[in-house]
Amino acid sequence: MKKQFTQEEAREIGENIGVDFGVYDLEEFRMGLGVEIYTRLERMEKEAEGE
């Protein structure tokens, strides 16, 4: 399951963690969020299967 973030969601998340969108591209950050969530979720699921 891959979570897609809207630009508004990505901006809110970024602002909450201190991302400077004058330095970092919002669209790249948004895409990276989806990849990071998917990758971590997949790893957690594999770890849970091993327990």
N, C-alpha and C. Protein backbone atom coordinates (compact mmCIF):
# COMPACT_ATOMS: atom_id res chain seq x y z
N MET A 1 0.85 -1.18 0.00
CA MET A 1 0.00 0.00 0.00
C MET A 1 0.89 1.24 0.00
N LYS A 2 0.74 2.06 -0.97
CA LYS A 2 1.56 3.26 -1.10
C LYS A 2 0.71 4.49 -0.82
N LYS A 3 1.11 5.25 0.16
CA LYS A 3 0.40 6.47 0.53
C LYS A 3 0.84 7.60 -0.36
N GLN A 4 -0.11 8.27 -0.98
CA GLN A 4 0.16 9.45 -1.78
C GLN A 4 -0.19 10.68 -0.95
N PHE A 5 0.71 11.63 -0.89
CA PHE A 5 0.47 12.86 -0.15
C PHE A 5 0.15 13.98 -1.13
N THR A 6 -0.79 14.82 -0.76
CA THR A 6 -1.06 16.01 -1.57
C THR A 6 0.04 17.04 -1.28
N GLN A 7 0.12 18.05 -2.12
CA GLN A 7 1.11 19.10 -1.87
C GLN A 7 0.81 19.82 -0.56
N GLU A 8 -0.45 20.00 -0.26
CA GLU A 8 -0.83 20.66 0.99
C GLU A 8 -0.38 19.84 2.21
N GLU A 9 -0.59 18.51 2.13
CA GLU A 9 -0.17 17.64 3.23
C GLU A 9 1.35 17.67 3.37
N ALA A 10 2.04 17.59 2.24
CA ALA A 10 3.51 17.60 2.27
C ALA A 10 4.03 18.91 2.85
N ARG A 11 3.43 20.02 2.45
CA ARG A 11 3.86 21.32 2.97
C ARG A 11 3.65 21.39 4.49
N GLU A 12 2.50 20.92 4.96
CA GLU A 12 2.21 20.94 6.39
C GLU A 12 3.21 20.08 7.16
N ILE A 13 3.48 18.88 6.65
CA ILE A 13 4.45 18.00 7.30
C ILE A 13 5.82 18.66 7.31
N GLY A 14 6.23 19.18 6.16
CA GLY A 14 7.53 19.83 6.07
C GLY A 14 7.67 21.01 7.00
N GLU A 15 6.66 21.83 7.06
CA GLU A 15 6.71 22.99 7.95
C GLU A 15 6.78 22.56 9.41
N ASN A 16 6.07 21.48 9.75
CA ASN A 16 6.08 20.99 11.13
C ASN A 16 7.44 20.47 11.56
N ILE A 17 8.24 19.99 10.60
CA ILE A 17 9.56 19.48 10.95
C ILE A 17 10.68 20.44 10.56
N GLY A 18 10.31 21.63 10.10
CA GLY A 18 11.30 22.67 9.86
C GLY A 18 11.94 22.67 8.48
N VAL A 19 11.31 22.08 7.48
CA VAL A 19 11.86 22.09 6.12
C VAL A 19 11.71 23.50 5.54
N ASP A 20 12.79 24.00 4.96
CA ASP A 20 12.78 25.31 4.32
C ASP A 20 12.51 25.10 2.84
N PHE A 21 11.29 25.40 2.39
CA PHE A 21 10.93 25.18 1.00
C PHE A 21 11.50 26.25 0.08
N GLY A 22 12.24 27.17 0.63
CA GLY A 22 13.04 28.06 -0.20
C GLY A 22 14.31 27.36 -0.65
N VAL A 23 14.69 26.32 0.08
CA VAL A 23 15.89 25.54 -0.22
C VAL A 23 15.51 24.22 -0.89
N TYR A 24 14.46 23.57 -0.39
CA TYR A 24 14.05 22.26 -0.89
C TYR A 24 12.77 22.37 -1.71
N ASP A 25 12.70 21.58 -2.77
CA ASP A 25 11.55 21.57 -3.66
C ASP A 25 10.39 20.82 -3.03
N LEU A 26 9.23 21.44 -2.98
CA LEU A 26 8.04 20.84 -2.37
C LEU A 26 7.66 19.54 -3.06
N GLU A 27 7.68 19.51 -4.37
CA GLU A 27 7.26 18.31 -5.10
C GLU A 27 8.22 17.14 -4.84
N GLU A 28 9.50 17.39 -4.78
CA GLU A 28 10.46 16.33 -4.46
C GLU A 28 10.25 15.83 -3.04
N PHE A 29 9.99 16.73 -2.12
CA PHE A 29 9.71 16.35 -0.74
C PHE A 29 8.45 15.50 -0.67
N ARG A 30 7.42 15.90 -1.40
CA ARG A 30 6.16 15.16 -1.41
C ARG A 30 6.36 13.73 -1.92
N MET A 31 7.08 13.60 -3.01
CA MET A 31 7.34 12.26 -3.55
C MET A 31 8.19 11.43 -2.59
N GLY A 32 9.15 12.05 -1.96
CA GLY A 32 10.01 11.36 -1.00
C GLY A 32 9.24 10.85 0.21
N LEU A 33 8.24 11.58 0.63
CA LEU A 33 7.41 11.12 1.75
C LEU A 33 6.76 9.79 1.43
N GLY A 34 6.19 9.67 0.25
CA GLY A 34 5.53 8.43 -0.15
C GLY A 34 6.50 7.27 -0.20
N VAL A 35 7.69 7.50 -0.72
CA VAL A 35 8.70 6.45 -0.80
C VAL A 35 9.14 6.03 0.60
N GLU A 36 9.38 7.00 1.45
CA GLU A 36 9.85 6.71 2.81
C GLU A 36 8.80 5.94 3.60
N ILE A 37 7.56 6.34 3.51
CA ILE A 37 6.48 5.64 4.22
C ILE A 37 6.39 4.20 3.73
N TYR A 38 6.42 4.01 2.42
CA TYR A 38 6.30 2.67 1.83
C TYR A 38 7.46 1.79 2.27
N THR A 39 8.68 2.32 2.19
CA THR A 39 9.88 1.56 2.54
C THR A 39 9.86 1.14 4.01
N ARG A 40 9.53 2.05 4.88
CA ARG A 40 9.50 1.73 6.31
C ARG A 40 8.39 0.75 6.65
N LEU A 41 7.23 0.93 6.03
CA LEU A 41 6.11 0.03 6.27
C LEU A 41 6.47 -1.38 5.82
N GLU A 42 7.09 -1.50 4.66
CA GLU A 42 7.48 -2.80 4.14
C GLU A 42 8.47 -3.48 5.10
N ARG A 43 9.43 -2.73 5.61
CA ARG A 43 10.42 -3.29 6.55
C ARG A 43 9.75 -3.74 7.84
N MET A 44 8.83 -2.93 8.35
CA MET A 44 8.13 -3.30 9.60
C MET A 44 7.30 -4.55 9.41
N GLU A 45 6.65 -4.68 8.25
CA GLU A 45 5.84 -5.87 7.98
C GLU A 45 6.72 -7.12 7.92
N LYS A 46 7.88 -7.03 7.30
CA LYS A 46 8.79 -8.17 7.22
C LYS A 46 9.30 -8.55 8.61
N GLU A 47 9.60 -7.55 9.42
CA GLU A 47 10.06 -7.83 10.79
C GLU A 47 8.96 -8.50 11.59
N ALA A 48 7.72 -8.07 11.43
CA ALA A 48 6.61 -8.65 12.15
C ALA A 48 6.38 -10.09 11.74
N GLU A 49 6.57 -10.41 10.47
CA GLU A 49 6.41 -11.78 10.01
C GLU A 49 7.46 -12.70 10.63
N GLY A 50 8.64 -12.15 10.90
CA GLY A 50 9.73 -12.94 11.46
C GLY A 50 9.57 -13.23 12.95
N GLU A 51 8.69 -12.53 13.62
CA GLU A 51 8.52 -12.69 15.07
C GLU A 51 7.65 -13.86 15.40
